[in-house]
């Protein structure tokens, strides 16, 4: 039987012995056994992070020295010596129970032995801060973890590796980086330098702006648009022209009918000429009305028109009155 299998069997038996005291459910104990077995197998494969995740989960269920010891051993393999010693302290400081199995007592002894071996391996770093303004206490963080101000300048235990230290006050800041190995004791000094802006955030002060009266902007003189007046006068002129032409034709027809129809009574042979005269009279009236409206619109547009941006010159409007047998009208382009 391999070492992993022996450890798993030992832990499983301890769980069974401790279960009446800890009152775990059968499902909890079975889950813990499975997690421990997976964690130990992953640790043998040197997949320490995944192993630690499962072993910590099993320990949270059981809370016994044997499961915690395996967590500490895995933390040591990962180089988490500070966390490992914290786990070992939990084991060695636990109060033995008269009814606890021998395996728990053995786990405490093993934890103490491992803790003693780590004492000299855990690095220590002393960080000093200089350049702080008189009467101020700088803040210090190591790897984005705040350090109590009382221990600034004193040895601080930490894991081996690369570390970033930042010290700040309300007006200054300093930064240093260092690599430290297992068992090393190092000192480092951070010198603060003034910064262009305070490192402490100040809530923005709301600014109230009194409403200002709005001054109307005088219109800028520019090119006056004559497009609408031009079209209106063109249409009006065409209407007046048509009214005048058809009016003359109507008078001519009436003169002929007066000569041909004594006492203004015409025979059937003159009905066509009579209809034509009536049509010319109607067209003349319509032409004068359209002409009067067009001229009026043109005058109003000239009086009330506002300056506007320059516009392309409009194409010349063309209106031509036409007369046919029994009909008349206007044609043209604008």
Protein backbone atom coordinates (compact mmCIF):
# COMPACT_ATOMS: atom_id res chain seq x y z
CA UNK A 1 0.00 0.00 0.00
CA UNK A 2 1.40 3.42 -1.03
CA UNK A 3 2.06 6.28 1.35
CA UNK A 4 -0.95 8.21 0.04
CA UNK A 5 -3.25 5.27 0.57
CA UNK A 6 -1.93 4.73 4.11
CA UNK A 7 -2.43 8.41 4.99
CA UNK A 8 -5.92 8.43 3.51
CA UNK A 9 -6.86 5.29 5.40
CA UNK A 10 -5.45 6.73 8.63
CA UNK A 11 -7.37 10.01 8.18
CA UNK A 12 -10.57 8.15 7.32
CA UNK A 13 -10.29 6.04 10.47
CA UNK A 14 -9.70 9.18 12.54
CA UNK A 15 -12.81 10.73 11.04
CA UNK A 16 -14.80 7.72 12.10
CA UNK A 17 -13.44 7.91 15.63
CA UNK A 18 -14.03 11.66 15.90
CA UNK A 19 -17.48 11.75 14.39
CA UNK A 20 -19.47 11.19 17.61
CA UNK A 21 -17.69 14.16 19.17
CA UNK A 22 -17.92 16.49 16.15
CA UNK A 23 -21.36 15.34 15.05
CA UNK A 24 -20.74 15.50 11.27
CA UNK A 25 -23.38 13.96 9.06
CA UNK A 26 -22.63 10.86 7.04
CA UNK A 27 -22.66 12.98 3.88
CA UNK A 28 -20.13 15.42 5.39
CA UNK A 29 -17.76 12.61 6.39
CA UNK A 30 -18.02 10.94 2.99
CA UNK A 31 -17.37 14.27 1.25
CA UNK A 32 -14.34 14.91 3.46
CA UNK A 33 -12.92 11.43 2.76
CA UNK A 34 -13.29 11.99 -0.98
CA UNK A 35 -11.70 15.45 -0.85
CA UNK A 36 -8.78 14.19 1.24
CA UNK A 37 -8.16 11.32 -1.17
CA UNK A 38 -8.22 13.69 -4.18
CA UNK A 39 -6.00 16.23 -2.43
CA UNK A 40 -3.34 13.69 -1.49
CA UNK A 41 -3.31 12.26 -4.99
CA UNK A 42 -2.89 15.73 -6.52
CA UNK A 43 -0.07 16.49 -4.08
CA UNK A 44 1.80 13.37 -5.16
CA UNK A 45 1.44 14.67 -8.73
CA UNK A 46 2.96 17.99 -7.52
CA UNK A 47 -0.23 19.86 -8.40
CA UNK A 48 -0.02 21.69 -5.10
CA UNK A 49 -2.57 24.46 -5.71
CA UNK A 50 -5.36 22.07 -6.64
CA UNK A 51 -4.36 19.76 -3.78
CA UNK A 52 -4.49 22.61 -1.24
CA UNK A 53 -7.97 23.62 -2.39
CA UNK A 54 -9.37 20.14 -1.70
CA UNK A 55 -7.47 19.56 1.53
CA UNK A 56 -8.63 22.91 2.96
CA UNK A 57 -12.22 22.04 2.06
CA UNK A 58 -11.94 18.70 3.87
CA UNK A 59 -10.39 20.39 6.92
CA UNK A 60 -13.20 22.93 7.06
CA UNK A 61 -15.64 20.04 7.32
CA UNK A 62 -13.77 17.96 9.92
CA UNK A 63 -11.67 20.48 11.94
CA UNK A 64 -9.38 17.77 13.29
CA UNK A 65 -5.55 17.79 13.70
CA UNK A 66 -5.01 15.13 11.03
CA UNK A 67 -6.73 17.08 8.24
CA UNK A 68 -5.11 20.37 9.28
CA UNK A 69 -1.66 18.73 9.25
CA UNK A 70 -2.07 17.74 5.59
CA UNK A 71 -3.09 21.33 4.78
CA UNK A 72 0.09 22.62 6.49
CA UNK A 73 2.30 20.15 4.62
CA UNK A 74 0.82 21.29 1.30
CA UNK A 75 1.29 24.95 2.20
CA UNK A 76 4.93 24.22 2.92
CA UNK A 77 5.29 22.60 -0.51
CA UNK A 78 3.91 25.78 -2.10
CA UNK A 79 6.37 27.98 -0.20
CA UNK A 80 3.58 29.51 1.87
CA UNK A 81 5.62 29.26 5.04
CA UNK A 82 3.79 32.06 6.87
CA UNK A 83 0.41 30.44 6.20
CA UNK A 84 1.86 27.04 7.06
CA UNK A 85 3.01 28.20 10.50
CA UNK A 86 -0.41 29.73 11.13
CA UNK A 87 -2.06 26.37 10.37
CA UNK A 88 0.45 24.53 12.57
CA UNK A 89 -0.22 26.96 15.44
CA UNK A 90 -3.91 26.07 15.22
CA UNK A 91 -3.05 22.39 15.55
CA UNK A 92 -0.60 22.71 18.43
CA UNK A 93 -2.80 25.11 20.38
CA UNK A 94 -5.90 22.90 20.15
CA UNK A 95 -6.95 21.37 23.46
CA UNK A 96 -6.72 17.53 23.52
CA UNK A 97 -9.85 15.64 24.41
CA UNK A 98 -9.72 12.64 26.77
CA UNK A 99 -11.60 10.58 24.21
CA UNK A 100 -9.65 11.64 21.13
CA UNK A 101 -7.78 8.95 19.14
CA UNK A 102 -4.03 8.51 19.26
CA UNK A 103 -3.79 9.74 15.67
CA UNK A 104 -4.77 13.24 16.81
CA UNK A 105 -2.00 13.25 19.45
CA UNK A 106 0.50 12.09 16.82
CA UNK A 107 -0.65 14.86 14.49
CA UNK A 108 0.03 17.47 17.18
CA UNK A 109 3.55 16.18 17.68
CA UNK A 110 4.20 16.17 13.94
CA UNK A 111 2.87 19.71 13.69
CA UNK A 112 5.22 20.91 16.43
CA UNK A 113 8.19 19.26 14.76
CA UNK A 114 7.37 20.86 11.41
CA UNK A 115 6.85 24.26 13.05
CA UNK A 116 10.26 24.09 14.72
CA UNK A 117 11.91 23.37 11.38
CA UNK A 118 10.27 26.40 9.78
CA UNK A 119 11.40 28.91 12.40
CA UNK A 120 14.71 29.58 10.67
CA UNK A 121 13.34 29.27 7.14
CA UNK A 122 10.76 32.09 7.22
CA UNK A 123 12.34 35.32 5.88
CA UNK A 124 12.13 38.61 7.76
CA UNK A 125 12.09 42.11 6.25
CA UNK A 126 12.54 45.39 8.11
CA UNK A 127 11.12 48.41 6.28
CA UNK A 128 12.02 51.92 7.38
CA UNK A 129 10.42 55.09 6.00
CA UNK A 130 12.19 58.45 5.85
CA UNK A 131 11.19 61.88 4.61
CA UNK A 132 7.76 62.01 6.24
CA UNK A 133 6.65 65.54 7.22
CA UNK A 134 6.97 66.30 10.92
CA UNK A 135 3.98 65.18 12.93
CA UNK A 136 2.74 62.70 10.30
CA UNK A 137 2.74 58.90 10.33
CA UNK A 138 3.22 57.27 6.94
CA UNK A 139 1.10 54.38 5.73
CA UNK A 140 2.87 51.26 4.48
CA UNK A 141 1.64 48.40 2.32
CA UNK A 142 3.51 45.29 1.20
CA UNK A 143 2.06 43.58 -1.88
CA UNK A 144 -1.11 45.71 -1.51
CA UNK A 145 -1.61 44.51 2.09
CA UNK A 146 -1.65 47.26 4.71
CA UNK A 147 0.98 46.98 7.43
CA UNK A 148 0.10 48.22 10.95
CA UNK A 149 1.92 51.51 11.56
CA UNK A 150 3.19 50.20 14.92
CA UNK A 151 5.44 47.63 13.22
CA UNK A 152 7.00 49.97 10.65
CA UNK A 153 10.74 49.74 11.22
CA UNK A 154 10.48 46.31 12.89
CA UNK A 155 11.16 42.87 11.35
CA UNK A 156 8.12 41.52 9.49
CA UNK A 157 7.84 37.83 8.57
CA UNK A 158 6.79 37.10 5.01
CA UNK A 159 7.16 34.45 2.35
CA UNK A 160 10.17 34.23 0.06
CA UNK A 161 9.82 35.89 -3.34
CA UNK A 162 9.39 39.32 -4.91
CA UNK A 163 7.71 42.03 -2.85
CA UNK A 164 6.55 45.59 -3.58
CA UNK A 165 6.44 48.16 -0.76
CA UNK A 166 4.64 51.50 -0.99
CA UNK A 167 4.72 54.18 1.71
CA UNK A 168 2.50 57.27 1.55
CA UNK A 169 1.42 60.38 3.41
CA UNK A 170 -1.10 63.00 2.38
CA UNK A 171 1.54 64.84 0.33
CA UNK A 172 4.34 62.35 -0.38
CA UNK A 173 4.96 58.85 -1.64
CA UNK A 174 7.75 56.29 -1.95
CA UNK A 175 8.09 52.86 -3.53
CA UNK A 176 10.66 50.06 -3.35
CA UNK A 177 10.84 46.47 -4.61
CA UNK A 178 12.91 43.59 -3.23
CA UNK A 179 13.56 39.88 -3.67
CA UNK A 180 14.10 37.78 -0.57
CA UNK A 181 14.94 34.11 -0.14
CA UNK A 182 14.11 31.60 2.59
CA UNK A 183 16.01 32.28 5.79
CA UNK A 184 17.15 35.77 4.75
CA UNK A 185 16.92 38.83 6.98
CA UNK A 186 16.92 42.12 5.07
CA UNK A 187 16.53 45.83 5.77
CA UNK A 188 15.22 48.35 3.27
CA UNK A 189 14.54 52.09 3.46
CA UNK A 190 11.82 53.93 1.55
CA UNK A 191 12.46 57.65 1.05
CA UNK A 192 9.33 59.70 0.56
CA UNK A 193 9.12 62.35 -2.16
CA UNK A 194 6.55 65.09 -2.62
CA UNK A 195 3.83 64.36 -5.14
CA UNK A 196 2.01 66.89 -7.29
CA UNK A 197 -1.35 65.95 -5.87
CA UNK A 198 -2.45 64.64 -2.44
CA UNK A 199 -2.67 60.88 -2.19
CA UNK A 200 -5.80 61.15 -0.05
CA UNK A 201 -8.93 61.74 -2.03
CA UNK A 202 -10.98 64.84 -1.25
CA UNK A 203 -14.69 64.84 -2.05
CA UNK A 204 -15.46 67.27 -4.87
CA UNK A 205 -17.07 70.54 -3.78
CA UNK A 206 -20.23 71.24 -5.72
CA UNK A 207 -20.13 74.59 -7.55
CA UNK A 208 -23.36 76.50 -7.95
CA UNK A 209 -23.52 78.72 -11.00
CA UNK A 210 -26.11 81.49 -10.93
CA UNK A 211 -28.31 81.50 -14.04
CA UNK A 212 -27.32 84.27 -16.44
CA UNK A 213 -29.86 86.18 -18.53
CA UNK A 214 -29.88 85.14 -22.12
CA UNK A 215 -29.08 88.03 -24.44
CA UNK A 216 -30.83 87.74 -27.79
CA UNK A 217 -28.38 87.57 -30.62
CA UNK A 218 -28.99 90.23 -33.20
CA UNK A 219 -29.51 88.83 -36.68
CA UNK A 220 -26.47 89.13 -38.86
CA UNK A 221 -27.11 91.04 -42.02
CA UNK A 222 -26.64 88.84 -44.96
CA UNK A 223 -27.94 88.21 -48.44
CA UNK A 224 -31.72 88.56 -48.76
CA UNK A 225 -33.42 85.72 -50.58
CA UNK A 226 -35.58 86.92 -53.51
CA UNK A 227 -36.65 83.48 -54.67
CA UNK A 228 -40.18 83.59 -53.23
CA UNK A 229 -40.96 87.17 -54.37
CA UNK A 230 -39.62 86.39 -57.85
CA UNK A 231 -41.85 83.35 -58.24
CA UNK A 232 -44.87 85.19 -56.82
CA UNK A 233 -44.43 88.17 -59.16
CA UNK A 234 -43.86 85.84 -62.13
CA UNK A 235 -47.04 83.89 -61.46
CA UNK A 236 -48.93 87.11 -60.75
CA UNK A 237 -47.72 88.70 -63.97
CA UNK A 238 -48.65 85.63 -66.00
CA UNK A 239 -52.11 85.62 -64.43
CA UNK A 240 -52.67 89.28 -65.23
CA UNK A 241 -51.41 88.72 -68.77
CA UNK A 242 -53.77 85.80 -69.28
CA UNK A 243 -56.63 87.80 -67.77
CA UNK A 244 -55.92 90.71 -70.13
CA UNK A 245 -55.61 88.54 -73.28
CA UNK A 246 -58.71 86.47 -72.57
CA UNK A 247 -60.57 89.65 -71.59
CA UNK A 248 -59.80 91.20 -74.97
CA UNK A 249 -60.85 88.02 -76.76
CA UNK A 250 -64.07 87.97 -74.73
CA UNK A 251 -64.82 91.60 -75.68
CA UNK A 252 -64.14 90.80 -79.33
CA UNK A 253 -66.54 87.87 -79.23
CA UNK A 254 -69.18 89.88 -77.47
CA UNK A 255 -68.88 92.60 -80.14
CA UNK A 256 -69.39 90.03 -82.90
CA UNK A 257 -72.36 88.49 -81.07
CA UNK A 258 -73.94 91.89 -80.50
CA UNK A 259 -73.83 92.53 -84.24
CA UNK A 260 -75.11 89.05 -85.11
CA UNK A 261 -77.74 88.72 -82.39
CA UNK A 262 -80.30 91.52 -82.46
CA UNK A 263 -81.76 92.32 -79.09
CA UNK A 264 -79.10 89.94 -77.62
CA UNK A 265 -81.06 86.88 -78.75
CA UNK A 266 -78.89 84.42 -80.66
CA UNK A 267 -79.98 81.52 -82.73
CA UNK A 268 -78.65 77.97 -82.46
CA UNK A 269 -75.92 78.72 -84.98
CA UNK A 270 -74.35 81.19 -82.58
CA UNK A 271 -74.38 78.92 -79.51
CA UNK A 272 -70.76 77.84 -80.07
CA UNK A 273 -69.56 81.45 -80.28
CA UNK A 274 -71.59 82.29 -77.21
CA UNK A 275 -69.94 79.43 -75.25
CA UNK A 276 -66.52 80.62 -76.37
CA UNK A 277 -67.25 84.15 -75.18
CA UNK A 278 -68.39 82.84 -71.80
CA UNK A 279 -65.20 80.73 -71.53
CA UNK A 280 -63.01 83.75 -72.27
CA UNK A 281 -64.89 85.70 -69.63
CA UNK A 282 -64.28 82.97 -67.05
CA UNK A 283 -60.60 82.64 -67.93
CA UNK A 284 -60.16 86.38 -67.77
CA UNK A 285 -61.66 86.47 -64.31
CA UNK A 286 -59.46 83.57 -63.13
CA UNK A 287 -56.36 85.16 -64.64
CA UNK A 288 -56.96 88.48 -62.88
CA UNK A 289 -57.59 86.68 -59.55
CA UNK A 290 -54.39 84.61 -59.87
CA UNK A 291 -52.47 87.68 -60.93
CA UNK A 292 -53.74 89.72 -58.00
CA UNK A 293 -52.85 86.96 -55.52
CA UNK A 294 -49.37 86.51 -57.00
CA UNK A 295 -48.58 90.20 -56.85
CA UNK A 296 -49.85 90.41 -53.25
CA UNK A 297 -47.72 87.44 -52.17
CA UNK A 298 -44.66 88.98 -53.81
CA UNK A 299 -45.14 92.28 -52.03
CA UNK A 300 -45.61 90.58 -48.64
CA UNK A 301 -42.51 88.41 -49.19
CA UNK A 302 -40.42 91.50 -49.92
CA UNK A 303 -41.65 93.27 -46.81
CA UNK A 304 -41.27 90.46 -44.26
CA UNK A 305 -38.45 88.42 -45.80
CA UNK A 306 -35.39 87.89 -43.54
CA UNK A 307 -31.74 87.78 -44.52
CA UNK A 308 -30.50 84.30 -45.18
CA UNK A 309 -27.40 82.55 -46.38
CA UNK A 310 -26.56 83.15 -50.02
CA UNK A 311 -28.55 80.91 -52.31
CA UNK A 312 -27.89 79.87 -55.86
CA UNK A 313 -29.57 82.13 -58.35
CA UNK A 314 -32.96 80.63 -59.27
CA UNK A 315 -33.57 79.58 -62.78
CA UNK A 316 -35.62 82.12 -64.72
CA UNK A 317 -39.33 81.44 -64.50
CA UNK A 318 -41.20 81.24 -67.78
CA UNK A 319 -45.01 81.42 -68.11
CA UNK A 320 -46.78 81.36 -71.49
CA UNK A 321 -50.57 81.79 -71.86
CA UNK A 322 -52.14 79.59 -74.51
CA UNK A 323 -55.49 79.55 -76.22
CA UNK A 324 -57.08 76.73 -78.19
CA UNK A 325 -60.44 76.05 -79.75
CA UNK A 326 -62.88 76.39 -76.89
CA UNK A 327 -60.15 76.42 -74.15
CA UNK A 328 -57.19 78.42 -72.75
CA UNK A 329 -54.62 78.22 -69.94
CA UNK A 330 -51.06 78.82 -68.67
CA UNK A 331 -47.88 76.75 -69.21
CA UNK A 332 -44.30 77.29 -68.25
CA UNK A 333 -41.40 76.34 -65.90
CA UNK A 334 -40.20 77.75 -62.54
